[in-house]
Amino acid sequence: MQMSDKRIVDAFPDPPVPDMDADGLMVPPWIKFPNIRRGSIGWRMGMGEEYRVRFRFLYTKQLRDNHKRLWVKYPEPEDWTGFYLQQKMSS
């Protein structure tokens, strides 16, 4: 396997992380694809982009109480600071 192929394979956890958790919350991108860094091209094409778009759509349609539950259960890692606010602003 070439190095570029290995990076692509490593981006997707095995086994895959489910989109929704046991509480009915859509897991944020850093949980779904933990090996794709914020700002990576992986969020602008392919499976990463599809997930990010779906997450934003669902997030903007949720009630504020669900936002709070999501923030508490999945706090933003340091390198994702401002992510939830960005979702909110894009609605």
C-alpha atoms as a PDB file:
ATOM      1  CA  MET A   1       0.000   0.000   0.000  1.00  0.00           C
ATOM      2  CA  GLN A   2       1.334   3.417  -0.943  1.00  0.00           C
ATOM      3  CA  MET A   3       1.537   6.183   1.657  1.00  0.00           C
ATOM      4  CA  SER A   4      -1.337   8.195   0.100  1.00  0.00           C
ATOM      5  CA  ASP A   5      -3.546   5.075   0.106  1.00  0.00           C
ATOM      6  CA  LYS A   6      -2.744   4.444   3.780  1.00  0.00           C
ATOM      7  CA  ARG A   7      -3.791   8.015   4.759  1.00  0.00           C
ATOM      8  CA  ILE A   8      -7.142   7.539   2.990  1.00  0.00           C
ATOM      9  CA  VAL A   9      -7.780   4.207   4.739  1.00  0.00           C
ATOM     10  CA  ASP A  10      -6.731   5.622   8.142  1.00  0.00           C
ATOM     11  CA  ALA A  11      -9.261   8.457   7.824  1.00  0.00           C
ATOM     12  CA  PHE A  12     -12.186   6.057   8.191  1.00  0.00           C
ATOM     13  CA  PRO A  13     -12.421   4.119  11.462  1.00  0.00           C
ATOM     14  CA  ASP A  14     -12.883   0.374  11.343  1.00  0.00           C
ATOM     15  CA  PRO A  15     -15.475  -0.488  12.475  1.00  0.00           C
ATOM     16  CA  PRO A  16     -17.314   2.642  11.304  1.00  0.00           C
ATOM     17  CA  VAL A  17     -18.707   5.004  13.925  1.00  0.00           C
ATOM     18  CA  PRO A  18     -22.534   5.182  13.716  1.00  0.00           C
ATOM     19  CA  ASP A  19     -24.014   8.527  12.615  1.00  0.00           C
ATOM     20  CA  MET A  20     -26.428   8.648  15.550  1.00  0.00           C
ATOM     21  CA  ASP A  21     -25.662   7.816  19.166  1.00  0.00           C
ATOM     22  CA  ALA A  22     -27.856   5.937  21.649  1.00  0.00           C
ATOM     23  CA  ASP A  23     -29.471   9.243  22.726  1.00  0.00           C
ATOM     24  CA  GLY A  24     -30.562  10.086  19.171  1.00  0.00           C
ATOM     25  CA  LEU A  25     -27.903  12.760  18.651  1.00  0.00           C
ATOM     26  CA  MET A  26     -25.927  12.895  15.424  1.00  0.00           C
ATOM     27  CA  VAL A  27     -22.297  12.551  16.454  1.00  0.00           C
ATOM     28  CA  PRO A  28     -20.090  15.510  15.523  1.00  0.00           C
ATOM     29  CA  PRO A  29     -17.541  15.140  12.733  1.00  0.00           C
ATOM     30  CA  TRP A  30     -14.528  14.728  15.058  1.00  0.00           C
ATOM     31  CA  ILE A  31     -16.187  11.633  16.530  1.00  0.00           C
ATOM     32  CA  LYS A  32     -17.394  10.182  13.213  1.00  0.00           C
ATOM     33  CA  PHE A  33     -14.040  10.655  11.470  1.00  0.00           C
ATOM     34  CA  PRO A  34     -11.469  11.203  14.239  1.00  0.00           C
ATOM     35  CA  ASN A  35      -8.486  10.995  11.892  1.00  0.00           C
ATOM     36  CA  ILE A  36      -9.568  13.831   9.586  1.00  0.00           C
ATOM     37  CA  ARG A  37      -8.233  17.115  10.929  1.00  0.00           C
ATOM     38  CA  ARG A  38     -10.423  20.203  10.861  1.00  0.00           C
ATOM     39  CA  GLY A  39      -9.708  22.181   7.704  1.00  0.00           C
ATOM     40  CA  SER A  40      -8.567  19.064   5.846  1.00  0.00           C
ATOM     41  CA  ILE A  41      -9.624  18.484   2.255  1.00  0.00           C
ATOM     42  CA  GLY A  42     -11.353  15.391   3.656  1.00  0.00           C
ATOM     43  CA  TRP A  43     -14.173  17.679   4.831  1.00  0.00           C
ATOM     44  CA  ARG A  44     -14.537  19.273   1.393  1.00  0.00           C
ATOM     45  CA  MET A  45     -14.989  16.135  -0.701  1.00  0.00           C
ATOM     46  CA  GLY A  46     -16.214  12.569  -0.461  1.00  0.00           C
ATOM     47  CA  MET A  47     -17.581  10.969   2.695  1.00  0.00           C
ATOM     48  CA  GLY A  48     -16.275  13.720   4.977  1.00  0.00           C
ATOM     49  CA  GLU A  49     -18.045  16.439   3.020  1.00  0.00           C
ATOM     50  CA  GLU A  50     -21.282  14.442   2.840  1.00  0.00           C
ATOM     51  CA  TYR A  51     -21.242  13.924   6.596  1.00  0.00           C
ATOM     52  CA  ARG A  52     -20.412  17.554   7.371  1.00  0.00           C
ATOM     53  CA  VAL A  53     -23.277  18.762   5.136  1.00  0.00           C
ATOM     54  CA  ARG A  54     -25.752  16.328   6.733  1.00  0.00           C
ATOM     55  CA  PHE A  55     -24.575  17.294  10.224  1.00  0.00           C
ATOM     56  CA  ARG A  56     -25.035  21.010   9.497  1.00  0.00           C
ATOM     57  CA  PHE A  57     -28.499  20.424   8.009  1.00  0.00           C
ATOM     58  CA  LEU A  58     -29.672  18.390  10.995  1.00  0.00           C
ATOM     59  CA  TYR A  59     -28.046  20.745  13.506  1.00  0.00           C
ATOM     60  CA  THR A  60     -29.813  23.781  12.068  1.00  0.00           C
ATOM     61  CA  LYS A  61     -33.179  21.963  12.229  1.00  0.00           C
ATOM     62  CA  GLN A  62     -32.822  20.830  15.860  1.00  0.00           C
ATOM     63  CA  LEU A  63     -34.322  22.542  18.870  1.00  0.00           C
ATOM     64  CA  ARG A  64     -31.987  24.538  21.115  1.00  0.00           C
ATOM     65  CA  ASP A  65     -32.355  21.906  23.876  1.00  0.00           C
ATOM     66  CA  ASN A  66     -30.807  19.340  21.558  1.00  0.00           C
ATOM     67  CA  HIS A  67     -27.938  21.731  20.846  1.00  0.00           C
ATOM     68  CA  LYS A  68     -27.247  21.976  24.569  1.00  0.00           C
ATOM     69  CA  ARG A  69     -27.327  18.188  24.940  1.00  0.00           C
ATOM     70  CA  LEU A  70     -24.880  17.872  22.053  1.00  0.00           C
ATOM     71  CA  TRP A  71     -22.514  20.510  23.502  1.00  0.00           C
ATOM     72  CA  VAL A  72     -22.450  18.761  26.879  1.00  0.00           C
ATOM     73  CA  LYS A  73     -22.049  15.234  25.550  1.00  0.00           C
ATOM     74  CA  TYR A  74     -19.575  16.162  22.778  1.00  0.00           C
ATOM     75  CA  PRO A  75     -17.596  19.250  23.793  1.00  0.00           C
ATOM     76  CA  GLU A  76     -15.486  20.731  21.031  1.00  0.00           C
ATOM     77  CA  PRO A  77     -11.869  19.571  21.116  1.00  0.00           C
ATOM     78  CA  GLU A  78      -9.355  22.421  21.161  1.00  0.00           C
ATOM     79  CA  ASP A  79      -8.723  22.227  17.415  1.00  0.00           C
ATOM     80  CA  TRP A  80     -12.482  22.347  16.708  1.00  0.00           C
ATOM     81  CA  THR A  81     -13.214  25.414  18.868  1.00  0.00           C
ATOM     82  CA  GLY A  82     -16.046  27.465  17.383  1.00  0.00           C
ATOM     83  CA  PHE A  83     -17.493  24.606  15.347  1.00  0.00           C
ATOM     84  CA  TYR A  84     -20.952  24.647  16.937  1.00  0.00           C
ATOM     85  CA  LEU A  85     -21.199  28.423  16.627  1.00  0.00           C
ATOM     86  CA  GLN A  86     -20.194  28.151  12.964  1.00  0.00           C
ATOM     87  CA  GLN A  87     -23.030  25.659  12.361  1.00  0.00           C
ATOM     88  CA  LYS A  88     -25.483  27.980  14.044  1.00  0.00           C
ATOM     89  CA  MET A  89     -24.323  31.003  12.040  1.00  0.00           C
ATOM     90  CA  SER A  90     -24.632  29.175   8.721  1.00  0.00           C
ATOM     91  CA  SER A  91     -28.338  28.455   9.163  1.00  0.00           C
END
